[in-house]
């Protein structure tokens, strides 16, 4: 028994183990990272000066059910290269949706090709007609660079 007591007895010089985690370095690092983000984010975010139609062109898969609407600079609207009146758009979109539901094909996507110099109002009318008809996906087709920097 004496040997057992000798091994388990603590001396006054020994300190018990600290069982808590020191979080001070973690808090310091988090504060430094917060300051770095607060300084760099306003530099990254840019606003206002515009010339939009230049965009990174993502290859689109042309599907037969997709509807391509073109709007030229004179605000003429074309449905798959055939002229159409703005008032007919919503009806034609609805017919295309009904046709795709009846034939059990995927719902059509509307791809809008707008001339660079067309007023936004002309494009907005096409988007509004698609929304009224219930078209689930509307996209815009752009050129990769359009000769601009």
N, C-alpha and C. Protein backbone atom coordinates (compact mmCIF):
# COMPACT_ATOMS: atom_id res chain seq x y z
N UNK A 1 0.80 -1.18 0.00
CA UNK A 1 0.00 0.00 0.00
C UNK A 1 0.85 1.26 0.00
N UNK A 2 1.96 1.18 0.60
CA UNK A 2 2.82 2.35 0.69
C UNK A 2 3.30 2.78 -0.69
N UNK A 3 3.60 1.82 -1.55
CA UNK A 3 4.07 2.14 -2.89
C UNK A 3 2.96 2.80 -3.70
N UNK A 4 1.74 2.36 -3.51
CA UNK A 4 0.60 2.92 -4.22
C UNK A 4 0.36 4.37 -3.83
N UNK A 5 0.47 4.66 -2.54
CA UNK A 5 0.28 6.03 -2.09
C UNK A 5 1.37 6.95 -2.57
N UNK A 6 2.58 6.44 -2.73
CA UNK A 6 3.71 7.26 -3.17
C UNK A 6 3.52 7.71 -4.62
N UNK A 7 2.89 6.89 -5.45
CA UNK A 7 2.71 7.25 -6.86
C UNK A 7 1.58 8.25 -7.06
N UNK A 8 0.54 8.20 -6.26
CA UNK A 8 -0.61 9.06 -6.49
C UNK A 8 -0.56 10.36 -5.72
N UNK A 9 0.40 10.52 -4.83
CA UNK A 9 0.48 11.72 -4.03
C UNK A 9 1.01 12.88 -4.87
N UNK A 10 0.33 14.03 -4.80
CA UNK A 10 0.75 15.23 -5.54
C UNK A 10 1.65 16.07 -4.66
N UNK A 11 2.62 16.62 -5.32
CA UNK A 11 3.47 17.56 -4.59
C UNK A 11 2.93 18.96 -4.82
N UNK A 12 3.37 19.86 -4.01
CA UNK A 12 2.90 21.24 -4.13
C UNK A 12 3.44 21.91 -5.39
N UNK A 13 4.53 21.39 -5.97
CA UNK A 13 5.12 21.99 -7.15
C UNK A 13 4.31 21.69 -8.42
N UNK A 14 3.61 20.56 -8.46
CA UNK A 14 2.85 20.19 -9.65
C UNK A 14 1.55 20.98 -9.72
N UNK A 15 1.23 21.44 -10.93
CA UNK A 15 -0.03 22.15 -11.16
C UNK A 15 -0.99 21.19 -11.85
N UNK A 16 -2.26 21.26 -11.53
CA UNK A 16 -3.20 20.40 -12.24
C UNK A 16 -3.30 20.83 -13.71
N UNK A 17 -3.67 19.90 -14.58
CA UNK A 17 -3.77 20.20 -16.01
C UNK A 17 -4.93 21.16 -16.27
N UNK A 18 -4.70 22.10 -17.19
CA UNK A 18 -5.76 23.03 -17.58
C UNK A 18 -6.67 22.32 -18.58
N UNK A 19 -7.90 22.18 -18.25
CA UNK A 19 -8.83 21.46 -19.13
C UNK A 19 -9.68 22.39 -19.99
N UNK A 20 -9.45 23.68 -19.97
CA UNK A 20 -10.20 24.62 -20.80
C UNK A 20 -9.35 25.05 -21.99
N UNK A 21 -10.03 25.42 -23.08
CA UNK A 21 -9.33 25.86 -24.28
C UNK A 21 -9.13 27.36 -24.21
N UNK A 22 -7.93 27.79 -24.56
CA UNK A 22 -7.63 29.22 -24.58
C UNK A 22 -8.16 29.78 -25.91
N UNK A 23 -9.21 30.58 -25.86
CA UNK A 23 -9.84 31.10 -27.08
C UNK A 23 -9.31 32.47 -27.49
N UNK A 24 -8.42 33.04 -26.75
CA UNK A 24 -7.91 34.37 -27.07
C UNK A 24 -7.25 34.42 -28.45
N UNK A 25 -6.36 33.48 -28.82
CA UNK A 25 -5.78 33.54 -30.18
C UNK A 25 -6.84 33.39 -31.27
N UNK A 26 -7.85 32.57 -31.04
CA UNK A 26 -8.91 32.40 -32.02
C UNK A 26 -9.68 33.71 -32.23
N UNK A 27 -9.99 34.38 -31.15
CA UNK A 27 -10.71 35.66 -31.24
C UNK A 27 -9.84 36.69 -31.94
N UNK A 28 -8.56 36.71 -31.66
CA UNK A 28 -7.65 37.66 -32.32
C UNK A 28 -7.64 37.43 -33.84
N UNK A 29 -7.55 36.19 -34.24
CA UNK A 29 -7.51 35.88 -35.68
C UNK A 29 -8.82 36.26 -36.34
N UNK A 30 -9.93 35.99 -35.69
CA UNK A 30 -11.23 36.32 -36.27
C UNK A 30 -11.39 37.84 -36.41
N UNK A 31 -10.92 38.61 -35.44
CA UNK A 31 -11.01 40.07 -35.54
C UNK A 31 -10.14 40.60 -36.68
N UNK A 32 -8.96 40.04 -36.84
CA UNK A 32 -8.09 40.47 -37.95
C UNK A 32 -8.75 40.14 -39.29
N UNK A 33 -9.35 38.94 -39.41
CA UNK A 33 -10.03 38.58 -40.66
C UNK A 33 -11.23 39.49 -40.92
N UNK A 34 -11.96 39.84 -39.89
CA UNK A 34 -13.09 40.74 -40.04
C UNK A 34 -12.63 42.10 -40.57
N UNK A 35 -11.57 42.61 -40.02
CA UNK A 35 -11.03 43.90 -40.48
C UNK A 35 -10.59 43.81 -41.93
N UNK A 36 -9.94 42.71 -42.30
CA UNK A 36 -9.48 42.55 -43.69
C UNK A 36 -10.68 42.53 -44.63
N UNK A 37 -11.74 41.78 -44.29
CA UNK A 37 -12.92 41.73 -45.14
C UNK A 37 -13.61 43.08 -45.22
N UNK A 38 -13.69 43.80 -44.13
CA UNK A 38 -14.34 45.11 -44.15
C UNK A 38 -13.58 46.10 -45.03
N UNK A 39 -12.28 45.94 -45.11
CA UNK A 39 -11.47 46.84 -45.94
C UNK A 39 -11.55 46.45 -47.41
N UNK A 40 -11.53 45.16 -47.73
CA UNK A 40 -11.44 44.73 -49.13
C UNK A 40 -12.77 44.66 -49.85
N UNK A 41 -13.88 44.42 -49.18
CA UNK A 41 -15.16 44.26 -49.88
C UNK A 41 -15.59 45.53 -50.61
N UNK A 42 -15.49 46.72 -50.05
CA UNK A 42 -15.88 47.90 -50.84
C UNK A 42 -15.04 48.10 -52.09
N UNK A 43 -13.82 47.60 -52.11
CA UNK A 43 -12.97 47.72 -53.29
C UNK A 43 -13.48 46.78 -54.38
N UNK A 44 -13.97 45.62 -54.01
CA UNK A 44 -14.43 44.63 -54.98
C UNK A 44 -15.76 45.03 -55.61
N UNK A 45 -16.67 45.57 -54.84
CA UNK A 45 -18.00 45.90 -55.32
C UNK A 45 -17.93 47.18 -56.16
N UNK A 46 -18.36 47.04 -57.43
CA UNK A 46 -18.37 48.19 -58.33
C UNK A 46 -19.82 48.48 -58.71
N UNK A 47 -20.13 49.74 -58.92
CA UNK A 47 -21.50 50.10 -59.26
C UNK A 47 -21.55 51.15 -60.35
N UNK A 48 -22.66 51.38 -60.87
CA UNK A 48 -23.17 52.38 -61.79
C UNK A 48 -22.59 52.44 -63.20
N UNK A 49 -21.34 52.82 -63.51
CA UNK A 49 -20.98 52.98 -64.93
C UNK A 49 -21.34 51.73 -65.74
N UNK A 50 -22.22 51.90 -66.74
CA UNK A 50 -22.80 50.76 -67.44
C UNK A 50 -22.50 50.74 -68.92
N UNK A 51 -22.41 49.58 -69.46
CA UNK A 51 -22.49 49.22 -70.87
C UNK A 51 -22.65 47.71 -70.86
N UNK A 52 -23.85 47.23 -70.63
CA UNK A 52 -24.08 45.84 -70.26
C UNK A 52 -24.01 44.77 -71.33
N UNK A 53 -24.55 44.91 -72.50
CA UNK A 53 -24.67 43.74 -73.35
C UNK A 53 -23.41 42.91 -73.57
N UNK A 54 -22.23 43.40 -73.23
CA UNK A 54 -21.05 42.54 -73.28
C UNK A 54 -21.07 41.66 -72.05
N UNK A 55 -21.06 40.36 -72.27
CA UNK A 55 -21.11 39.43 -71.15
C UNK A 55 -20.31 38.20 -71.49
N UNK A 56 -19.94 37.48 -70.46
CA UNK A 56 -19.28 36.21 -70.69
C UNK A 56 -20.31 35.29 -71.27
N UNK A 57 -20.03 34.78 -72.43
CA UNK A 57 -21.00 33.97 -73.14
C UNK A 57 -20.91 32.53 -72.67
N UNK A 58 -21.98 32.05 -72.08
CA UNK A 58 -22.05 30.66 -71.66
C UNK A 58 -22.78 29.91 -72.76
N UNK A 59 -22.18 28.84 -73.22
CA UNK A 59 -22.78 28.08 -74.31
C UNK A 59 -24.17 27.58 -73.90
N UNK A 60 -25.13 27.87 -74.75
CA UNK A 60 -26.48 27.41 -74.48
C UNK A 60 -26.78 26.21 -75.36
N UNK A 61 -27.51 25.30 -74.81
CA UNK A 61 -27.92 24.14 -75.58
C UNK A 61 -29.24 24.48 -76.25
N UNK A 62 -29.23 24.46 -77.56
CA UNK A 62 -30.44 24.79 -78.30
C UNK A 62 -31.33 23.56 -78.33
N UNK A 63 -32.50 23.70 -77.74
CA UNK A 63 -33.47 22.61 -77.71
C UNK A 63 -34.62 22.99 -78.63
N UNK A 64 -35.27 22.02 -79.23
CA UNK A 64 -36.37 22.36 -80.15
C UNK A 64 -37.52 23.08 -79.46
N UNK A 65 -37.72 22.83 -78.17
CA UNK A 65 -38.85 23.47 -77.48
C UNK A 65 -38.55 24.91 -77.07
N UNK A 66 -37.28 25.35 -77.13
CA UNK A 66 -36.94 26.72 -76.75
C UNK A 66 -37.53 27.72 -77.74
N UNK A 67 -37.89 28.86 -77.21
CA UNK A 67 -38.46 29.93 -78.02
C UNK A 67 -37.45 31.07 -78.05
N UNK A 68 -37.05 31.48 -79.25
CA UNK A 68 -36.10 32.58 -79.40
C UNK A 68 -36.87 33.81 -79.86
N UNK A 69 -36.84 34.84 -79.02
CA UNK A 69 -37.49 36.11 -79.34
C UNK A 69 -36.39 37.13 -79.62
N UNK A 70 -36.47 37.77 -80.78
CA UNK A 70 -35.49 38.79 -81.15
C UNK A 70 -36.17 40.15 -81.15
N UNK A 71 -35.46 41.16 -80.66
CA UNK A 71 -35.96 42.54 -80.68
C UNK A 71 -34.89 43.39 -81.33
N UNK A 72 -35.23 43.99 -82.50
CA UNK A 72 -34.24 44.80 -83.19
C UNK A 72 -34.22 46.22 -82.63
N UNK A 73 -33.34 47.04 -83.14
CA UNK A 73 -33.18 48.39 -82.59
C UNK A 73 -34.37 49.29 -82.84
N UNK A 74 -35.24 48.89 -83.76
CA UNK A 74 -36.46 49.65 -84.03
C UNK A 74 -37.64 49.10 -83.23
N UNK A 75 -37.37 48.23 -82.27
CA UNK A 75 -38.34 47.61 -81.36
C UNK A 75 -39.31 46.67 -82.06
N UNK A 76 -38.91 46.14 -83.23
CA UNK A 76 -39.70 45.11 -83.89
C UNK A 76 -39.39 43.78 -83.20
N UNK A 77 -40.43 42.97 -82.99
CA UNK A 77 -40.28 41.70 -82.28
C UNK A 77 -40.41 40.56 -83.28
N UNK A 78 -39.55 39.55 -83.11
CA UNK A 78 -39.54 38.38 -83.98
C UNK A 78 -39.62 37.12 -83.14
N UNK A 79 -40.51 36.21 -83.51
CA UNK A 79 -40.64 34.90 -82.86
C UNK A 79 -39.96 33.91 -83.80
N UNK A 80 -38.83 33.37 -83.41
CA UNK A 80 -38.05 32.45 -84.26
C UNK A 80 -37.88 33.04 -85.67
N UNK A 81 -37.46 34.28 -85.74
CA UNK A 81 -37.16 35.01 -86.98
C UNK A 81 -38.38 35.42 -87.80
N UNK A 82 -39.59 35.24 -87.28
CA UNK A 82 -40.80 35.69 -87.96
C UNK A 82 -41.40 36.85 -87.18
N UNK A 83 -41.75 37.96 -87.87
CA UNK A 83 -42.29 39.12 -87.16
C UNK A 83 -43.58 38.76 -86.41
N UNK A 84 -43.73 39.38 -85.24
CA UNK A 84 -44.91 39.15 -84.41
C UNK A 84 -45.23 40.45 -83.68
N UNK A 85 -46.49 40.67 -83.37
CA UNK A 85 -46.91 41.85 -82.63
C UNK A 85 -46.77 41.60 -81.13
N UNK A 86 -46.48 42.64 -80.37
CA UNK A 86 -46.36 42.51 -78.90
C UNK A 86 -47.62 41.91 -78.28
N UNK A 87 -48.77 42.28 -78.83
CA UNK A 87 -50.04 41.82 -78.25
C UNK A 87 -50.24 40.31 -78.42
N UNK A 88 -49.57 39.71 -79.38
CA UNK A 88 -49.71 38.28 -79.61
C UNK A 88 -48.75 37.44 -78.76
N UNK A 89 -47.77 38.08 -78.15
CA UNK A 89 -46.73 37.32 -77.44
C UNK A 89 -47.29 36.46 -76.31
N UNK A 90 -48.08 37.05 -75.44
CA UNK A 90 -48.58 36.31 -74.28
C UNK A 90 -49.41 35.11 -74.72
N UNK A 91 -50.24 35.29 -75.74
CA UNK A 91 -51.07 34.19 -76.25
C UNK A 91 -50.20 33.09 -76.83
N UNK A 92 -49.20 33.46 -77.59
CA UNK A 92 -48.30 32.45 -78.19
C UNK A 92 -47.50 31.73 -77.12
N UNK A 93 -47.07 32.45 -76.07
CA UNK A 93 -46.36 31.79 -74.97
C UNK A 93 -47.27 30.78 -74.28
N UNK A 94 -48.51 31.18 -74.02
CA UNK A 94 -49.45 30.26 -73.38
C UNK A 94 -49.70 29.03 -74.25
N UNK A 95 -49.84 29.23 -75.56
CA UNK A 95 -50.05 28.10 -76.47
C UNK A 95 -48.85 27.16 -76.44
N UNK A 96 -47.65 27.70 -76.39
CA UNK A 96 -46.45 26.86 -76.36
C UNK A 96 -46.38 26.07 -75.06
N UNK A 97 -46.76 26.70 -73.94
CA UNK A 97 -46.77 25.99 -72.65
C UNK A 97 -47.81 24.87 -72.65
N UNK A 98 -49.00 25.16 -73.15
CA UNK A 98 -50.06 24.14 -73.20
C UNK A 98 -49.64 22.98 -74.10
N UNK A 99 -49.04 23.30 -75.24
CA UNK A 99 -48.58 22.27 -76.17
C UNK A 99 -47.54 21.37 -75.51
N UNK A 100 -46.61 21.97 -74.75
CA UNK A 100 -45.58 21.15 -74.11
C UNK A 100 -46.15 20.28 -72.99
N UNK A 101 -47.17 20.78 -72.29
CA UNK A 101 -47.81 19.97 -71.24
C UNK A 101 -48.58 18.81 -71.88
N UNK A 102 -49.31 19.10 -72.96
CA UNK A 102 -50.09 18.05 -73.63
C UNK A 102 -49.22 16.97 -74.25
N UNK A 103 -48.07 17.35 -74.77
CA UNK A 103 -47.17 16.37 -75.40
C UNK A 103 -46.15 15.79 -74.40
N UNK A 104 -46.24 16.25 -73.15
CA UNK A 104 -45.34 15.79 -72.07
C UNK A 104 -43.86 15.99 -72.42
N UNK A 105 -43.57 17.12 -73.05
CA UNK A 105 -42.18 17.52 -73.31
C UNK A 105 -41.80 18.57 -72.28
N UNK A 106 -40.50 18.83 -72.11
CA UNK A 106 -40.09 19.86 -71.14
C UNK A 106 -40.68 21.23 -71.50
N UNK A 107 -40.94 22.02 -70.47
CA UNK A 107 -41.48 23.36 -70.71
C UNK A 107 -40.47 24.19 -71.49
N UNK A 108 -40.95 25.02 -72.40
CA UNK A 108 -40.01 25.81 -73.20
C UNK A 108 -39.36 26.93 -72.39
N UNK A 109 -38.15 27.24 -72.76
CA UNK A 109 -37.44 28.40 -72.22
C UNK A 109 -37.53 29.50 -73.26
N UNK A 110 -37.61 30.73 -72.79
CA UNK A 110 -37.62 31.87 -73.71
C UNK A 110 -36.24 32.51 -73.69
N UNK A 111 -35.62 32.57 -74.86
CA UNK A 111 -34.31 33.22 -75.00
C UNK A 111 -34.51 34.52 -75.76
N UNK A 112 -34.16 35.62 -75.14
CA UNK A 112 -34.37 36.93 -75.73
C UNK A 112 -33.05 37.45 -76.30
N UNK A 113 -33.09 37.80 -77.58
CA UNK A 113 -31.95 38.41 -78.25
C UNK A 113 -32.31 39.88 -78.47
N UNK A 114 -31.74 40.75 -77.68
CA UNK A 114 -32.04 42.17 -77.81
C UNK A 114 -30.88 42.91 -78.45
N UNK A 115 -31.20 43.77 -79.39
CA UNK A 115 -30.17 44.59 -80.01
C UNK A 115 -29.54 45.49 -78.95
N UNK A 116 -28.27 45.75 -79.12
CA UNK A 116 -27.53 46.57 -78.15
C UNK A 116 -28.13 47.97 -78.00
N UNK A 117 -28.71 48.49 -79.07
CA UNK A 117 -29.22 49.86 -79.05
C UNK A 117 -30.72 49.96 -78.83
N UNK A 118 -31.38 48.87 -78.51
CA UNK A 118 -32.82 48.92 -78.30
C UNK A 118 -33.10 49.46 -76.90
N UNK A 119 -34.23 50.15 -76.75
CA UNK A 119 -34.62 50.65 -75.43
C UNK A 119 -34.99 49.47 -74.55
N UNK A 120 -34.73 49.59 -73.26
CA UNK A 120 -35.02 48.50 -72.34
C UNK A 120 -36.52 48.24 -72.26
N UNK A 121 -37.33 49.24 -72.50
CA UNK A 121 -38.77 49.10 -72.45
C UNK A 121 -39.25 48.02 -73.43
N UNK A 122 -38.62 47.94 -74.59
CA UNK A 122 -39.01 46.93 -75.58
C UNK A 122 -38.71 45.53 -75.07
N UNK A 123 -37.57 45.36 -74.44
CA UNK A 123 -37.22 44.06 -73.86
C UNK A 123 -38.13 43.76 -72.67
N UNK A 124 -38.43 44.78 -71.89
CA UNK A 124 -39.28 44.60 -70.72
C UNK A 124 -40.68 44.13 -71.10
N UNK A 125 -41.20 44.58 -72.24
CA UNK A 125 -42.51 44.12 -72.68
C UNK A 125 -42.50 42.63 -72.99
N UNK A 126 -41.40 42.16 -73.57
CA UNK A 126 -41.28 40.72 -73.87
C UNK A 126 -41.22 39.92 -72.57
N UNK A 127 -40.42 40.39 -71.62
CA UNK A 127 -40.31 39.71 -70.33
C UNK A 127 -41.67 39.70 -69.62
N UNK A 128 -42.38 40.82 -69.68
CA UNK A 128 -43.70 40.90 -69.04
C UNK A 128 -44.68 39.91 -69.67
N UNK A 129 -44.66 39.81 -70.98
CA UNK A 129 -45.56 38.86 -71.66
C UNK A 129 -45.23 37.43 -71.26
N UNK A 130 -43.94 37.12 -71.12
CA UNK A 130 -43.53 35.78 -70.70
C UNK A 130 -43.97 35.50 -69.26
N UNK A 131 -43.85 36.50 -68.40
CA UNK A 131 -44.28 36.33 -67.01
C UNK A 131 -45.79 36.13 -66.92
N UNK A 132 -46.54 36.91 -67.69
CA UNK A 132 -48.00 36.78 -67.67
C UNK A 132 -48.44 35.39 -68.13
N UNK A 133 -47.72 34.85 -69.10
CA UNK A 133 -48.08 33.53 -69.63
C UNK A 133 -47.63 32.41 -68.69
N UNK A 134 -46.70 32.70 -67.79
CA UNK A 134 -46.24 31.67 -66.86
C UNK A 134 -45.01 30.93 -67.33
N UNK A 135 -44.22 31.53 -68.20
CA UNK A 135 -43.00 30.88 -68.67
C UNK A 135 -42.03 30.77 -67.49
N UNK A 136 -41.53 29.56 -67.19
CA UNK A 136 -40.71 29.38 -66.00
C UNK A 136 -39.28 29.90 -66.12
N UNK A 137 -38.75 29.98 -67.35
CA UNK A 137 -37.34 30.38 -67.47
C UNK A 137 -37.17 31.31 -68.67
N UNK A 138 -36.62 32.50 -68.39
CA UNK A 138 -36.35 33.49 -69.42
C UNK A 138 -34.87 33.82 -69.35
N UNK A 139 -34.20 33.80 -70.49
CA UNK A 139 -32.77 34.11 -70.53
C UNK A 139 -32.47 35.13 -71.61
N UNK A 140 -31.28 35.69 -71.55
CA UNK A 140 -30.84 36.69 -72.52
C UNK A 140 -29.63 36.17 -73.26
N UNK A 141 -29.62 36.32 -74.56
CA UNK A 141 -28.49 35.88 -75.38
C UNK A 141 -27.64 37.10 -75.68
N UNK A 142 -26.35 36.99 -75.41
CA UNK A 142 -25.42 38.10 -75.64
C UNK A 142 -24.23 37.62 -76.46
N UNK A 143 -23.47 38.56 -76.96
CA UNK A 143 -22.23 38.26 -77.66
C UNK A 143 -21.10 38.24 -76.64
N UNK A 144 -20.05 37.47 -76.92
CA UNK A 144 -18.97 37.41 -75.92
C UNK A 144 -18.27 38.75 -75.70
N UNK A 145 -18.00 39.54 -76.72
CA UNK A 145 -17.30 40.81 -76.52
C UNK A 145 -17.94 41.97 -77.23
N UNK A 146 -18.60 41.75 -78.36
CA UNK A 146 -19.30 42.82 -79.09
C UNK A 146 -18.37 43.94 -79.54
N UNK A 147 -17.07 43.70 -79.65
CA UNK A 147 -16.12 44.70 -80.10
C UNK A 147 -15.81 45.76 -79.08
N UNK A 148 -16.26 45.61 -77.85
CA UNK A 148 -16.01 46.62 -76.81
C UNK A 148 -15.00 46.05 -75.81
N UNK A 149 -14.38 46.93 -75.06
CA UNK A 149 -13.44 46.50 -74.03
C UNK A 149 -14.12 46.36 -72.71
